[in-house]
Amino acid sequence: MTTMLKAASYSILIGTYLYFSRRQFREAWKQYKKFSLSRYLGLLSYTYHPVNYHWFYKKETAGHITWKPFSVVDSLALEEAFTENDLTPDTLVPTDGGRYDVNILCRKRIPVYWNEPPSEVRRSSWFYKSLADGKLVPYQEYIAALLEDEFIATFETNDWHRKVNLPNGDVVVFQRPDIVSLIHSEEGSQDSWDTPQTLPKPRTVKRGTDDFEIEAGESPIIDHLLFVVHGIGSVCDLKFRSVEEVVDDFRSLSLKLLQTHYTSACQNKLVNRIEVLPINWHSKLHSTDTGIDEKLKNITLPSAPLLRDFINNTLSDVLLYKSPKYSQTIITAVGTELNRLYELFRKRNPTFRGSVSLGGHSLGSLILFDLLSNQKPPPEPENTFCDCNDELFEDTYGKRQSPINDRISSMMLQAGIQESPLQYPQLNFQPIALFALGSPISLFVTTKGLDKLGEDFALPTCPAFFNIFHPYDIVACRVESLINPELAKLKPVLIPHHKGGKRMHLQFKETMQKVKADLKEKWRKSLQTTLRTISQMRFGHHQVYNEDEEENDNDADEDFKSVGDGGDEPLTEEDGVVGMESIREMDVNFGVLNKGRRVDYALQEAPIESFNEYIFAMTLSSHLCYWESEDTMLLLLKEIYNSMGIVPDKILWEQEEKISRWQAEGKMSQNYIFARPSTSGTSELSFANSSSYLYMEPSMFMDILSRA
């Protein structure tokens, strides 16, 4: 075997002589003596390829610096602009879905919609591993160009194990075409008595971007625009991230869920993406123009400075919003910023024809609620018989609401409650929905002295309202009980898990409750039968007993219990269906705030949270969980795309399965009606066969099936 291996190696070396000069062959012979056969064969089989450049940007979070790659689409756009001949210092390339502009010559990445220091941009090809976190960091462009030139020279001369001194004092060793090491300047300057065992290991140097996970890029087509207003303080979660940072994760979450839950619609180009933009009012409130920080600093005690600074920066926002002076500052800042970003967005996206919705977290939801409550309603048609400036107008649901700007203030005046008037800016758009996350709206409305809003209360320019909360959120409150106090007995809608249905521990809990109820009912019936038998034996005669009557009574009792206390578990909203069958049975009026639908929606607690609710409530983790909650984002996507007539894949499969079953049973013809979303955002009906996809709201689908 050894003889055959030597013969094969000599044959290969003789073959290389035909391709190399005598000098190169002698160098190859030296390499053969130094390396094993397999490693040498790898050198001979390696082919040089030009390096592919990719653009990176620097991101600094809490003092930690990382370099992130642009998406494939953005990097190609930057490279194309870089290679153009008409490149000027004012050339800007939009990236990240149009939220950032990159100045090619200045190598700066500049935010478009919010204030943020420009970040550095590099056209990268060579990378080294950082000592801090082990992540790859791109070399500066002139060093990367030097390394590429040295790599080409080393490859042409086949002079491996070559050392290259960099301008910063580091040493790079080209061991093999695919193995390059870095010796830091401090590592190379060791004393003579240092042993090799004490020297740090050299770090890896990479050529190209094969070790990076680079995203393809965002779609240029935007289906919907969502503005998000933050709550108290300058940070939004336990990681101390700003509203711009948490909204980035919120947006990325929407892209991920669209790919997993709207796969068919994405493949058919019916679903693209939603744009999420942050609204920051805290920086305006705590700016030097208001001087509130200096005033709070003058009255703050010197003890426990960190805690007192935290209170002045966060909790004081609640008190400032209750103040007429600073409440006006906050309201004006939010309204002005909404209009500014909306106009800027329309300017940068002239083909946008989608709708707009608003989302607010904590105090931000209260700000949006007050702002929308004081919007001027749409004007009445000219052929009306009443003066719309003085009379009430009917909305689409037959209810009446006041055209006065401040609906809540007018109710407070009727209750004899005085409040300082505020000037509410009017929005340049009409949102289709308001999503309140962990909202204390009910608490603030109640502390103003109002007992309820009433079933006819609605936001003048916003037809839908969703109150979303975690069950352990100590800040969140119910809203349905303000519409109708009787709704306090009804539990909120349980938001389904993004992977489907209920969590396992909730299913187990529900099963155990059903088993307990069944055992209790069987024990009750057994006891009744025993007592009846004893009574019959005691009195010596038979009593007539109507079992049907007892069952009817029991059914009536159960129906009364389900309506009175809401049952053992909250209603479940499966893929956009809000438990309408249960609601029709109970015949409960939920008002027009959310177009007659449920208003309160509760997230499912995680298994670890169910062990002790006080821990997760007091640490505020339940109040700050919405930014990373797939269930929250999926509910928003369902409601947004339901308004366009587009439903998730699960609903499509259920609809097609039901139609196929009805066709097999002869209850429905082969041609059926389905709704296709049009470019205007409304659903238009047409005919198709069973192989077509269905895109319609569940309520529309059930109505069509009921008439089929």
Foldseek 3Di string as FASTA:
>chain_A
DVVVVVVVLVVVLVVCCVVDPPVLSVVLVVVPVVDPSVVSVVLVPDDDDDFDWFKWWWDADPNDIDIDTFFPVQRVQLVVQVPDPPQDQPDWDAGPLRQWTARNVVQWIGGDQDDDDTIGMAGFFKWWADPPPRDTDGDHPVQRVVVVVVLVVCSVSVPAQDWDADPVQKIWGRHGNAWIWIQGNVLVPDDPPDDPVPGDDTTTMGGHDPVDDHHNGADNAAAEEEEEEEAFFQAQAPSRHGPVVLVVLLQVLQVVLCCVWVVVCVVVVNDGGHHYDYQYLLCQLPDVVNPQVVVLVVPDDPPPVVVSVVCSRGVVVVVLCVDQVSVLSSLVSRQVSQQVSVVVVCVVVVPHQHAYEYEYAEVGLLSVVQLLQQAQADDDDPPDPDDLVPDWDADPVRFTAHRHRHRLQVVLVVVVQDDDDHDHDHHPHFHQEYEYELYQNVVVSVVSPQQADEQADARRRYQAYAYEAAPLAPSHDDRLCRHPVQCVLADAAEQAASVGHHDPVVVVVVVVVVVVVVVVVVVVVVVVVVVQVVVCVVVVHDDDDDPVVVVVVVVVVVVCVCSRRVPPDHHYQGFNRQPVVVCVVNVDASHRHGDRGGHYYYYHDDPVCVVDSVVCNVVCNRSSVLSNGSSNSSVVVSVSQQQLQATTPVVQVVLLVVVVVCVVVVNDPQKFWAWDGDPNSHTDIDIDGSVDTHRGRPVVSVVRSVVD
